[in-house]
């Protein structure tokens, strides 16, 4: 630390994924220059930088999985792949001049509210100290891989890596590859790995509901039309949004849920003619209580002769492979862990200390909670993007992230206009919102015996928003300063 003290900004954003980058652009467009964007990796993109596995693609159509203020006319196909999405975010960072505010390879590991100076004291992993009047976490939900700890993993002779930490130095061509997990990442990885591997052994704990993916390249004529007529691109985006909003289903017995389940069953029955294999791939949990997958290649791959589906539970690893509950040793040369993320562990790797020394991890012992998923009482001038219970049941998270970024900007304007340097959401306001949220979550498809990444270890639904995205946009459209108070002196 220099004699002048740590560098201080008006706003510090943690994470340069879709949320943090979008907020940085919004601040720039609003004329705000006094902000910093901290990023742990070597560039922007967030999950689209870290998840670079074969076949990585978005399950939301390209034109909707992009900012409303930065439409891209030349998406190559309906569902963009990881390289194209990452290139889009890179281009946005350049176009809107965000890179001058970006500090890469600087993970912030601790944030403590400094009441006398009315700011957040930040500490980076390398010990550097910074300060910010306002702190915004845009760390996201899918930033901490869930890595299982099977007995004997360290003894395995070959490489083991998680899908979000793909080892590009390892060639899987001609090798016997194990893929552990059958979730969203596995549904994309398996078809690609099966093209080059000698054999693929797929270890499934729970089958997923899978809808077919209507994916196709955009024609040159379509790209030209989107480029020449911005209204055409906006209308196309709006049509996708409306279609997705209409298919969101939260409750058992919804007609739309029954229709989607019937579509998934039809897809399964059409692709899997072997009854024994079909039985293994047929979910028993209610449609929607876990993440629904979108793939037209997964079932085609599973029936290939060089692909084995194993449903016996894994008991341990062996130097030569994986041993399952029936005692069988599955000999493999490499293991891919497609085991998802610790999605309910919000702000993983960041210690947040608020007024009076209170710790956010302690306040969130039962379940992470926030007002509108954005602010937490006792943590002044602290906002979150993609916070608790803001994950969408069926629409694009970009829409939610834009609504949250707009809310933060409105809050900053209100603070400046009213000369209120510090705001803290009132406890009663936050508690009332979360009581209504808990009531709305009762009876939803997630509120069952079904265990998924939507729930934390206590069985609480920590990620899902039980309302349509338009509801959330309306709730965050205005910043209500009456919902916030100034902390008592010394806090």
Protein backbone atom coordinates (compact mmCIF):
# COMPACT_ATOMS: atom_id res chain seq x y z
CA UNK A 1 0.00 0.00 0.00
CA UNK A 2 1.37 3.42 -0.90
CA UNK A 3 1.48 6.40 1.48
CA UNK A 4 -1.48 7.88 -0.36
CA UNK A 5 -3.52 4.81 0.49
CA UNK A 6 -5.21 2.30 -1.80
CA UNK A 7 -6.63 3.29 -5.16
CA UNK A 8 -10.32 4.21 -4.83
CA UNK A 9 -13.12 4.22 -7.39
CA UNK A 10 -16.74 5.21 -7.20
CA UNK A 11 -17.87 1.77 -8.42
CA UNK A 12 -16.06 -1.57 -8.43
CA UNK A 13 -17.54 -4.44 -10.43
CA UNK A 14 -16.37 -7.99 -9.72
CA UNK A 15 -16.52 -10.25 -12.77
CA UNK A 16 -16.40 -9.44 -16.48
CA UNK A 17 -18.95 -11.95 -17.69
CA UNK A 18 -22.22 -11.02 -19.36
CA UNK A 19 -23.50 -9.26 -16.23
CA UNK A 20 -20.39 -7.30 -15.22
CA UNK A 21 -19.55 -6.36 -18.79
CA UNK A 22 -23.14 -5.26 -19.42
CA UNK A 23 -23.10 -3.04 -16.33
CA UNK A 24 -19.73 -1.56 -17.30
CA UNK A 25 -21.14 -0.68 -20.72
CA UNK A 26 -24.25 0.80 -19.13
CA UNK A 27 -22.10 2.98 -16.85
CA UNK A 28 -20.03 4.11 -19.81
CA UNK A 29 -23.13 5.00 -21.82
CA UNK A 30 -24.44 6.95 -18.79
CA UNK A 31 -21.26 9.03 -18.73
CA UNK A 32 -19.78 7.37 -15.64
CA UNK A 33 -16.01 6.99 -15.90
CA UNK A 34 -15.00 6.42 -12.28
CA UNK A 35 -15.32 2.65 -12.13
CA UNK A 36 -13.19 -0.48 -12.33
CA UNK A 37 -13.99 -3.96 -13.63
CA UNK A 38 -12.05 -6.67 -11.78
CA UNK A 39 -11.74 -10.05 -13.49
CA UNK A 40 -10.01 -13.18 -12.21
CA UNK A 41 -9.25 -14.59 -15.65
CA UNK A 42 -7.32 -13.05 -18.54
CA UNK A 43 -10.29 -11.44 -20.29
CA UNK A 44 -14.00 -10.81 -20.58
CA UNK A 45 -16.70 -13.39 -21.22
CA UNK A 46 -17.14 -15.11 -17.87
CA UNK A 47 -18.56 -18.58 -18.29
CA UNK A 48 -18.02 -18.35 -22.05
CA UNK A 49 -14.30 -17.93 -21.48
CA UNK A 50 -13.95 -20.72 -18.92
CA UNK A 51 -16.29 -23.25 -20.57
CA UNK A 52 -14.35 -23.94 -23.77
CA UNK A 53 -15.07 -27.66 -24.03
CA UNK A 54 -15.88 -29.34 -27.38
CA UNK A 55 -19.46 -28.65 -28.42
CA UNK A 56 -20.03 -25.80 -25.96
CA UNK A 57 -23.02 -23.76 -27.12
CA UNK A 58 -25.90 -21.74 -25.74
CA UNK A 59 -29.37 -23.21 -25.24
CA UNK A 60 -30.97 -19.79 -25.85
CA UNK A 61 -31.12 -18.57 -29.48
CA UNK A 62 -28.28 -16.24 -30.44
CA UNK A 63 -30.35 -13.14 -31.13
CA UNK A 64 -31.86 -13.29 -27.64
CA UNK A 65 -28.63 -14.25 -25.89
CA UNK A 66 -27.12 -10.86 -26.65
CA UNK A 67 -27.55 -7.32 -25.36
CA UNK A 68 -30.56 -5.35 -26.57
CA UNK A 69 -28.27 -2.35 -27.12
CA UNK A 70 -25.71 -4.33 -29.13
CA UNK A 71 -27.61 -6.41 -31.66
CA UNK A 72 -25.46 -8.65 -33.83
CA UNK A 73 -26.71 -9.09 -37.38
CA UNK A 74 -24.32 -11.81 -38.47
CA UNK A 75 -24.83 -14.61 -35.96
CA UNK A 76 -23.92 -17.73 -37.91
CA UNK A 77 -26.65 -20.00 -36.58
CA UNK A 78 -29.75 -20.24 -34.39
CA UNK A 79 -27.78 -21.41 -31.34
CA UNK A 80 -24.31 -19.89 -31.23
CA UNK A 81 -21.30 -21.87 -30.12
CA UNK A 82 -18.83 -20.83 -27.43
CA UNK A 83 -16.19 -19.28 -29.71
CA UNK A 84 -18.75 -17.02 -31.40
CA UNK A 85 -20.35 -15.96 -28.11
CA UNK A 86 -16.97 -15.17 -26.57
CA UNK A 87 -16.01 -13.18 -29.68
CA UNK A 88 -19.27 -11.22 -29.32
CA UNK A 89 -18.48 -10.20 -25.73
CA UNK A 90 -14.91 -9.33 -26.73
CA UNK A 91 -16.24 -7.12 -29.51
CA UNK A 92 -18.66 -5.40 -27.09
CA UNK A 93 -15.80 -4.65 -24.70
CA UNK A 94 -13.90 -3.01 -27.54
CA UNK A 95 -16.83 -1.18 -29.09
CA UNK A 96 -17.96 0.47 -25.86
CA UNK A 97 -14.47 1.28 -24.54
CA UNK A 98 -14.60 -0.93 -21.46
CA UNK A 99 -11.05 -2.27 -21.62
CA UNK A 100 -9.55 0.87 -20.09
CA UNK A 101 -11.51 0.02 -16.91
CA UNK A 102 -10.64 -3.70 -16.95
CA UNK A 103 -8.17 -5.27 -14.53
CA UNK A 104 -7.63 -8.90 -15.49
CA UNK A 105 -6.03 -11.64 -13.39
CA UNK A 106 -7.14 -9.76 -10.28
CA UNK A 107 -9.55 -11.91 -8.27
CA UNK A 108 -10.99 -10.02 -5.30
CA UNK A 109 -11.17 -12.38 -2.35
CA UNK A 110 -12.33 -10.10 0.49
CA UNK A 111 -14.61 -7.09 0.81
CA UNK A 112 -15.17 -5.28 4.13
CA UNK A 113 -17.44 -2.30 4.72
CA UNK A 114 -15.45 0.67 6.01
CA UNK A 115 -18.00 2.78 7.88
CA UNK A 116 -15.78 5.79 8.74
CA UNK A 117 -14.71 6.20 5.10
CA UNK A 118 -18.10 5.09 3.70
CA UNK A 119 -16.59 2.66 1.25
CA UNK A 120 -15.67 -0.97 0.68
CA UNK A 121 -12.13 -2.12 1.44
CA UNK A 122 -11.19 -4.72 -1.16
CA UNK A 123 -8.39 -7.24 -1.04
CA UNK A 124 -7.12 -9.14 -4.06
CA UNK A 125 -5.69 -12.66 -3.99
CA UNK A 126 -2.16 -11.28 -4.39
CA UNK A 127 -2.60 -8.92 -1.42
CA UNK A 128 -3.29 -5.71 -3.34
CA UNK A 129 -5.69 -3.34 -1.57
CA UNK A 130 -8.36 -1.20 -3.23
CA UNK A 131 -11.41 0.82 -2.21
CA UNK A 132 -14.77 1.52 -3.82
CA UNK A 133 -17.73 3.61 -2.72
CA UNK A 134 -20.10 1.11 -4.33
CA UNK A 135 -19.43 -2.60 -4.81
CA UNK A 136 -21.22 -4.75 -7.39
CA UNK A 137 -20.71 -8.50 -7.54
CA UNK A 138 -21.20 -9.96 -11.00
CA UNK A 139 -19.53 -13.26 -10.15
CA UNK A 140 -22.45 -15.20 -11.55
CA UNK A 141 -23.88 -18.61 -10.74
CA UNK A 142 -21.69 -20.91 -12.81
CA UNK A 143 -18.21 -19.88 -11.73
CA UNK A 144 -17.33 -22.61 -9.21
CA UNK A 145 -17.14 -26.15 -10.66
CA UNK A 146 -18.60 -28.97 -8.59
CA UNK A 147 -15.82 -31.55 -8.44
CA UNK A 148 -16.77 -34.89 -6.84
CA UNK A 149 -14.37 -36.55 -4.44
CA UNK A 150 -14.51 -40.23 -5.36
CA UNK A 151 -12.35 -42.65 -3.44
CA UNK A 152 -9.08 -43.35 -5.24
CA UNK A 153 -9.25 -40.47 -7.74
CA UNK A 154 -5.63 -39.58 -7.10
CA UNK A 155 -4.56 -43.09 -8.08
CA UNK A 156 -6.01 -42.91 -11.61
CA UNK A 157 -3.17 -43.11 -14.12
CA UNK A 158 -4.71 -40.87 -16.77
CA UNK A 159 -5.84 -37.22 -16.91
CA UNK A 160 -8.96 -36.05 -15.04
CA UNK A 161 -10.44 -32.62 -15.69
CA UNK A 162 -13.72 -30.78 -15.23
CA UNK A 163 -15.67 -29.60 -18.27
CA UNK A 164 -15.24 -25.98 -17.16
CA UNK A 165 -11.47 -26.46 -16.87
CA UNK A 166 -10.93 -28.35 -20.11
CA UNK A 167 -7.36 -29.51 -20.63
CA UNK A 168 -6.69 -28.55 -24.23
CA UNK A 169 -3.25 -30.11 -24.06
CA UNK A 170 -4.89 -33.53 -23.82
CA UNK A 171 -5.93 -35.17 -27.07
CA UNK A 172 -8.83 -37.59 -26.65
CA UNK A 173 -8.48 -38.98 -30.13
CA UNK A 174 -8.26 -42.76 -30.18
CA UNK A 175 -8.56 -43.01 -26.38
CA UNK A 176 -11.10 -44.60 -24.07
CA UNK A 177 -12.86 -41.69 -22.43
CA UNK A 178 -15.15 -41.64 -19.40
CA UNK A 179 -17.67 -38.82 -19.07
CA UNK A 180 -19.14 -38.52 -15.58
CA UNK A 181 -22.54 -36.83 -15.62
CA UNK A 182 -25.40 -36.45 -18.08
CA UNK A 183 -26.38 -32.81 -17.57
CA UNK A 184 -26.20 -29.84 -19.91
CA UNK A 185 -22.44 -29.94 -20.46
CA UNK A 186 -22.34 -33.69 -21.02
CA UNK A 187 -25.14 -33.46 -23.60
CA UNK A 188 -22.84 -31.22 -25.66
CA UNK A 189 -19.52 -32.91 -24.89
CA UNK A 190 -20.44 -36.53 -25.55
CA UNK A 191 -21.43 -36.12 -29.23
CA UNK A 192 -18.15 -34.31 -29.95
CA UNK A 193 -15.86 -36.65 -27.99
CA UNK A 194 -17.53 -39.70 -29.56
CA UNK A 195 -16.40 -38.45 -32.98
CA UNK A 196 -12.73 -38.92 -32.08
CA UNK A 197 -12.51 -41.31 -29.14
CA UNK A 198 -12.05 -45.05 -29.44
CA UNK A 199 -14.76 -45.55 -26.85
CA UNK A 200 -16.90 -43.36 -24.62
CA UNK A 201 -18.27 -44.61 -21.31
CA UNK A 202 -20.99 -42.33 -20.00
CA UNK A 203 -21.74 -42.55 -16.27
CA UNK A 204 -25.28 -41.42 -15.50
CA UNK A 205 -26.71 -40.80 -12.06
CA UNK A 206 -30.03 -39.27 -13.14
CA UNK A 207 -31.39 -38.96 -16.69
CA UNK A 208 -32.49 -35.55 -17.93
CA UNK A 209 -35.53 -34.38 -19.84
CA UNK A 210 -34.28 -33.45 -23.30
CA UNK A 211 -36.06 -31.37 -25.93
CA UNK A 212 -34.91 -31.41 -29.56
CA UNK A 213 -32.86 -28.44 -30.73
CA UNK A 214 -34.12 -26.70 -33.88
CA UNK A 215 -30.73 -25.38 -34.92
CA UNK A 216 -29.78 -24.18 -38.38
CA UNK A 217 -27.33 -21.76 -40.01
CA UNK A 218 -28.58 -18.30 -40.91
CA UNK A 219 -28.54 -17.67 -44.64
CA UNK A 220 -26.56 -14.80 -46.10
CA UNK A 221 -29.88 -13.20 -47.08
CA UNK A 222 -31.03 -13.27 -43.46
CA UNK A 223 -27.79 -11.73 -42.24
CA UNK A 224 -28.01 -8.95 -44.82
CA UNK A 225 -31.62 -8.23 -43.86
CA UNK A 226 -30.72 -8.02 -40.13
CA UNK A 227 -27.80 -5.72 -40.95
CA UNK A 228 -29.70 -3.38 -43.28
CA UNK A 229 -32.94 -3.24 -41.30
CA UNK A 230 -32.43 -2.97 -37.55
CA UNK A 231 -36.17 -3.30 -37.06
CA UNK A 232 -35.93 -6.81 -38.58
CA UNK A 233 -33.29 -7.85 -36.05
CA UNK A 234 -35.25 -6.32 -33.18
CA UNK A 235 -38.46 -7.98 -34.28
CA UNK A 236 -36.71 -11.34 -34.60
CA UNK A 237 -35.32 -10.93 -31.07
CA UNK A 238 -38.72 -9.90 -29.73
CA UNK A 239 -40.43 -12.88 -31.40
CA UNK A 240 -37.97 -15.25 -29.73
CA UNK A 241 -38.49 -13.53 -26.37
CA UNK A 242 -42.28 -13.82 -26.58
CA UNK A 243 -42.07 -17.48 -27.59
CA UNK A 244 -39.80 -18.30 -24.65
CA UNK A 245 -41.88 -16.25 -22.21
CA UNK A 246 -45.00 -18.17 -23.22
CA UNK A 247 -43.33 -21.53 -22.64
CA UNK A 248 -42.14 -20.77 -19.11
CA UNK A 249 -43.85 -23.13 -16.72
CA UNK A 250 -43.43 -23.18 -12.97
CA UNK A 251 -46.20 -25.35 -11.60
CA UNK A 252 -47.29 -28.95 -11.75
CA UNK A 253 -50.19 -29.54 -14.06
CA UNK A 254 -49.57 -26.51 -16.26
CA UNK A 255 -50.77 -27.25 -19.76
CA UNK A 256 -47.48 -26.02 -21.20
CA UNK A 257 -45.51 -28.35 -18.92
CA UNK A 258 -47.55 -31.29 -20.16
CA UNK A 259 -46.95 -30.27 -23.77
CA UNK A 260 -43.22 -29.93 -23.28
CA UNK A 261 -43.03 -33.25 -21.45
CA UNK A 262 -44.92 -34.94 -24.28
CA UNK A 263 -42.44 -33.40 -26.76
CA UNK A 264 -39.50 -34.69 -24.71
CA UNK A 265 -41.00 -38.20 -24.50
CA UNK A 266 -41.69 -38.21 -28.23
CA UNK A 267 -38.10 -37.20 -28.90
CA UNK A 268 -36.84 -39.99 -26.63
CA UNK A 269 -39.07 -42.63 -28.16
CA UNK A 270 -38.17 -41.60 -31.69
CA UNK A 271 -34.42 -41.74 -31.12
CA UNK A 272 -34.15 -44.66 -28.68
CA UNK A 273 -35.85 -47.80 -30.00
CA UNK A 274 -34.18 -50.23 -27.58
CA UNK A 275 -36.61 -50.52 -24.66
CA UNK A 276 -33.96 -51.30 -22.03
CA UNK A 277 -31.86 -48.30 -23.03
CA UNK A 278 -34.91 -46.09 -23.25
CA UNK A 279 -35.90 -47.06 -19.72
CA UNK A 280 -32.46 -46.00 -18.46
CA UNK A 281 -32.81 -42.65 -20.22
CA UNK A 282 -36.38 -41.92 -19.09
CA UNK A 283 -36.52 -39.46 -16.15
CA UNK A 284 -38.72 -40.25 -13.17
CA UNK A 285 -38.66 -36.73 -11.76
CA UNK A 286 -41.30 -34.14 -12.75
CA UNK A 287 -40.62 -32.21 -15.91
CA UNK A 288 -38.83 -28.96 -15.10
CA UNK A 289 -37.75 -29.69 -11.54
CA UNK A 290 -34.21 -30.10 -12.88
CA UNK A 291 -32.69 -28.21 -15.77
CA UNK A 292 -34.30 -29.22 -19.06
CA UNK A 293 -31.75 -29.88 -21.79
CA UNK A 294 -31.95 -28.95 -25.46
CA UNK A 295 -30.12 -31.33 -27.80
CA UNK A 296 -30.75 -33.21 -31.02
CA UNK A 297 -27.40 -35.04 -30.96
CA UNK A 298 -27.22 -36.66 -27.53
CA UNK A 299 -29.62 -39.56 -28.12
CA UNK A 300 -28.13 -40.14 -31.58
CA UNK A 301 -24.73 -40.53 -29.94
CA UNK A 302 -25.81 -42.76 -27.06
CA UNK A 303 -27.03 -45.47 -29.46
CA UNK A 304 -23.69 -45.68 -31.25
CA UNK A 305 -21.87 -49.00 -30.70
CA UNK A 306 -18.73 -47.34 -29.30
CA UNK A 307 -20.73 -45.51 -26.58
CA UNK A 308 -21.71 -47.24 -23.33
CA UNK A 309 -24.27 -45.88 -20.86
CA UNK A 310 -23.56 -46.94 -17.28
CA UNK A 311 -26.20 -46.37 -14.61
CA UNK A 312 -24.53 -48.28 -11.77
CA UNK A 313 -23.19 -45.82 -9.20
CA UNK A 314 -19.47 -45.08 -9.11
CA UNK A 315 -17.84 -46.52 -5.98
CA UNK A 316 -14.19 -45.72 -6.55
CA UNK A 317 -11.43 -44.97 -9.02
CA UNK A 318 -8.69 -47.41 -9.92
CA UNK A 319 -5.37 -46.71 -11.67
CA UNK A 320 -6.88 -48.34 -14.76
CA UNK A 321 -10.36 -46.83 -14.63
CA UNK A 322 -13.61 -46.55 -12.68
CA UNK A 323 -15.25 -49.19 -10.51
CA UNK A 324 -19.05 -49.22 -10.19
CA UNK A 325 -21.39 -50.64 -7.58
CA UNK A 326 -21.64 -53.99 -9.35
CA UNK A 327 -17.87 -54.46 -8.92
CA UNK A 328 -17.14 -53.95 -12.61
CA UNK A 329 -13.94 -52.11 -13.59
CA UNK A 330 -14.51 -49.83 -16.57
CA UNK A 331 -11.07 -49.38 -18.08
CA UNK A 332 -10.56 -45.86 -19.44
CA UNK A 333 -7.65 -43.64 -20.43
CA UNK A 334 -9.10 -40.22 -19.52
CA UNK A 335 -11.95 -38.86 -17.40
CA UNK A 336 -14.09 -35.80 -18.08
CA UNK A 337 -16.10 -34.55 -15.09
CA UNK A 338 -19.29 -33.01 -16.47
CA UNK A 339 -20.57 -32.61 -12.93
CA UNK A 340 -21.89 -29.07 -13.01
CA UNK A 341 -21.36 -26.16 -10.64
CA UNK A 342 -21.85 -25.12 -7.03
CA UNK A 343 -24.63 -22.84 -8.18
CA UNK A 344 -26.15 -22.08 -4.78
CA UNK A 345 -22.81 -21.02 -3.28
CA UNK A 346 -23.19 -17.39 -4.29
CA UNK A 347 -20.07 -15.22 -4.11
CA UNK A 348 -17.88 -18.32 -3.89
CA UNK A 349 -14.31 -17.33 -3.08
CA UNK A 350 -15.30 -13.87 -1.82
CA UNK A 351 -15.59 -13.03 1.88
CA UNK A 352 -18.04 -10.16 2.43
CA UNK A 353 -18.15 -8.36 5.79
CA UNK A 354 -20.83 -5.75 6.35
CA UNK A 355 -21.90 -3.38 9.11
CA UNK A 356 -20.77 -4.24 12.61
CA UNK A 357 -18.55 -7.03 11.34
CA UNK A 358 -21.43 -9.22 10.18
CA UNK A 359 -20.51 -11.80 7.57
CA UNK A 360 -22.66 -12.53 4.57
CA UNK A 361 -21.75 -16.22 4.70
CA UNK A 362 -23.23 -16.37 8.23
CA UNK A 363 -26.37 -14.49 7.20
CA UNK A 364 -26.81 -16.96 4.35
CA UNK A 365 -26.34 -20.12 6.42
CA UNK A 366 -29.91 -21.34 5.77
CA UNK A 367 -30.35 -19.96 2.26
CA UNK A 368 -28.90 -17.06 0.25
CA UNK A 369 -31.42 -14.21 0.10
CA UNK A 370 -31.61 -10.63 -1.10
CA UNK A 371 -34.10 -7.94 -2.03
CA UNK A 372 -34.92 -8.48 -5.70
CA UNK A 373 -31.83 -10.69 -5.75
CA UNK A 374 -29.86 -7.43 -5.75
CA UNK A 375 -29.26 -6.01 -2.27
CA UNK A 376 -28.87 -7.38 1.27
CA UNK A 377 -29.68 -5.51 4.47
CA UNK A 378 -26.59 -4.82 6.54
CA UNK A 379 -24.33 -4.51 3.48
CA UNK A 380 -24.48 -0.87 2.38
CA UNK A 381 -23.76 0.18 -1.20
CA UNK A 382 -23.53 -3.49 -2.22
CA UNK A 383 -25.35 -4.90 -5.24
CA UNK A 384 -25.39 -8.28 -6.96
CA UNK A 385 -26.10 -9.27 -10.54
CA UNK A 386 -27.49 -12.79 -11.01
CA UNK A 387 -28.00 -12.99 -7.27
CA UNK A 388 -30.27 -15.34 -5.30
CA UNK A 389 -33.54 -16.38 -6.98
CA UNK A 390 -32.99 -14.53 -10.24
CA UNK A 391 -32.29 -17.53 -12.46
CA UNK A 392 -34.81 -17.84 -15.27
CA UNK A 393 -37.09 -20.81 -15.73
CA UNK A 394 -37.05 -20.53 -19.48
CA UNK A 395 -36.01 -17.16 -20.89
CA UNK A 396 -32.67 -15.45 -21.49
CA UNK A 397 -30.65 -14.43 -18.45
CA UNK A 398 -29.35 -11.49 -20.51
CA UNK A 399 -32.79 -9.88 -20.15
CA UNK A 400 -32.57 -10.19 -16.35
CA UNK A 401 -28.98 -8.93 -16.26
CA UNK A 402 -29.90 -5.85 -18.28
CA UNK A 403 -32.77 -5.10 -15.89
CA UNK A 404 -30.40 -5.42 -12.93
CA UNK A 405 -27.74 -3.21 -14.51
CA UNK A 406 -30.37 -0.54 -15.18
CA UNK A 407 -31.47 -0.77 -11.53
CA UNK A 408 -27.90 -0.22 -10.30
CA UNK A 409 -27.46 2.81 -12.56
CA UNK A 410 -30.76 4.27 -11.33
CA UNK A 411 -29.65 3.72 -7.75
CA UNK A 412 -26.39 5.60 -8.40
CA UNK A 413 -28.31 8.48 -9.98
CA UNK A 414 -30.69 8.63 -7.03
CA UNK A 415 -27.81 8.63 -4.55
CA UNK A 416 -26.11 11.48 -6.38
CA UNK A 417 -29.30 13.51 -6.84
CA UNK A 418 -30.36 13.15 -3.20
CA UNK A 419 -26.81 13.52 -1.88
CA UNK A 420 -26.99 10.20 -0.11
CA UNK A 421 -23.51 8.65 -0.27
CA UNK A 422 -24.65 5.47 1.51
CA UNK A 423 -27.79 3.38 1.16
CA UNK A 424 -28.76 0.09 2.79
CA UNK A 425 -31.95 -1.80 1.98
CA UNK A 426 -34.31 -1.84 4.94
CA UNK A 427 -34.52 -5.18 6.72
CA UNK A 428 -38.31 -5.17 6.67
CA UNK A 429 -38.37 -4.52 2.92
CA UNK A 430 -35.96 -7.39 2.24
CA UNK A 431 -37.71 -9.80 4.59
CA UNK A 432 -41.13 -8.96 3.18
CA UNK A 433 -39.93 -9.57 -0.36
CA UNK A 434 -38.40 -12.92 0.56
CA UNK A 435 -41.50 -14.02 2.47
CA UNK A 436 -43.58 -13.38 -0.65
CA UNK A 437 -40.95 -15.12 -2.76
CA UNK A 438 -41.00 -18.21 -0.52
CA UNK A 439 -44.79 -18.35 -0.81
CA UNK A 440 -44.59 -18.08 -4.60
CA UNK A 441 -42.04 -20.92 -4.70
CA UNK A 442 -44.40 -23.29 -2.89
CA UNK A 443 -46.08 -25.63 -5.32
CA UNK A 444 -43.64 -24.95 -8.14
CA UNK A 445 -41.98 -27.76 -10.06
CA UNK A 446 -38.80 -27.13 -8.07
CA UNK A 447 -40.61 -27.53 -4.72
CA UNK A 448 -40.61 -31.32 -4.80
CA UNK A 449 -38.43 -34.19 -3.65
CA UNK A 450 -36.38 -33.60 -6.76
CA UNK A 451 -32.81 -32.57 -5.94
CA UNK A 452 -31.03 -30.27 -8.36
CA UNK A 453 -28.55 -27.41 -8.45
CA UNK A 454 -31.55 -25.11 -7.89
CA UNK A 455 -31.51 -26.17 -4.22
CA UNK A 456 -28.83 -25.77 -1.58
CA UNK A 457 -27.70 -28.39 0.94
CA UNK A 458 -30.65 -27.50 3.20
CA UNK A 459 -33.11 -28.22 0.39
CA UNK A 460 -33.99 -24.54 -0.07
CA UNK A 461 -34.61 -23.21 -3.59
CA UNK A 462 -31.82 -20.67 -3.87
CA UNK A 463 -31.57 -19.95 -7.59
CA UNK A 464 -34.99 -19.86 -9.23
CA UNK A 465 -37.32 -16.93 -9.88
CA UNK A 466 -40.96 -18.11 -9.72
CA UNK A 467 -42.18 -15.31 -11.98
CA UNK A 468 -41.83 -14.45 -15.68
CA UNK A 469 -38.95 -12.20 -16.67
CA UNK A 470 -41.37 -9.39 -17.54
CA UNK A 471 -42.52 -9.38 -13.90
CA UNK A 472 -38.94 -8.92 -12.79
CA UNK A 473 -38.33 -6.15 -15.31
CA UNK A 474 -41.35 -4.26 -13.97
CA UNK A 475 -40.22 -4.69 -10.35
CA UNK A 476 -36.74 -3.33 -11.11
CA UNK A 477 -37.77 -0.62 -13.57
CA UNK A 478 -37.82 2.02 -10.84
CA UNK A 479 -35.40 2.49 -7.96
CA UNK A 480 -37.50 3.22 -4.87
CA UNK A 481 -35.30 5.15 -2.49
CA UNK A 482 -37.88 4.65 0.28
CA UNK A 483 -36.86 0.97 0.33
CA UNK A 484 -33.41 2.04 1.51
CA UNK A 485 -32.07 3.69 4.67
CA UNK A 486 -28.80 5.24 5.71
CA UNK A 487 -26.91 3.03 8.20
CA UNK A 488 -26.65 4.31 11.74
CA UNK A 489 -23.52 6.26 12.56
CA UNK A 490 -20.45 4.06 12.87
CA UNK A 491 -22.00 1.14 10.99
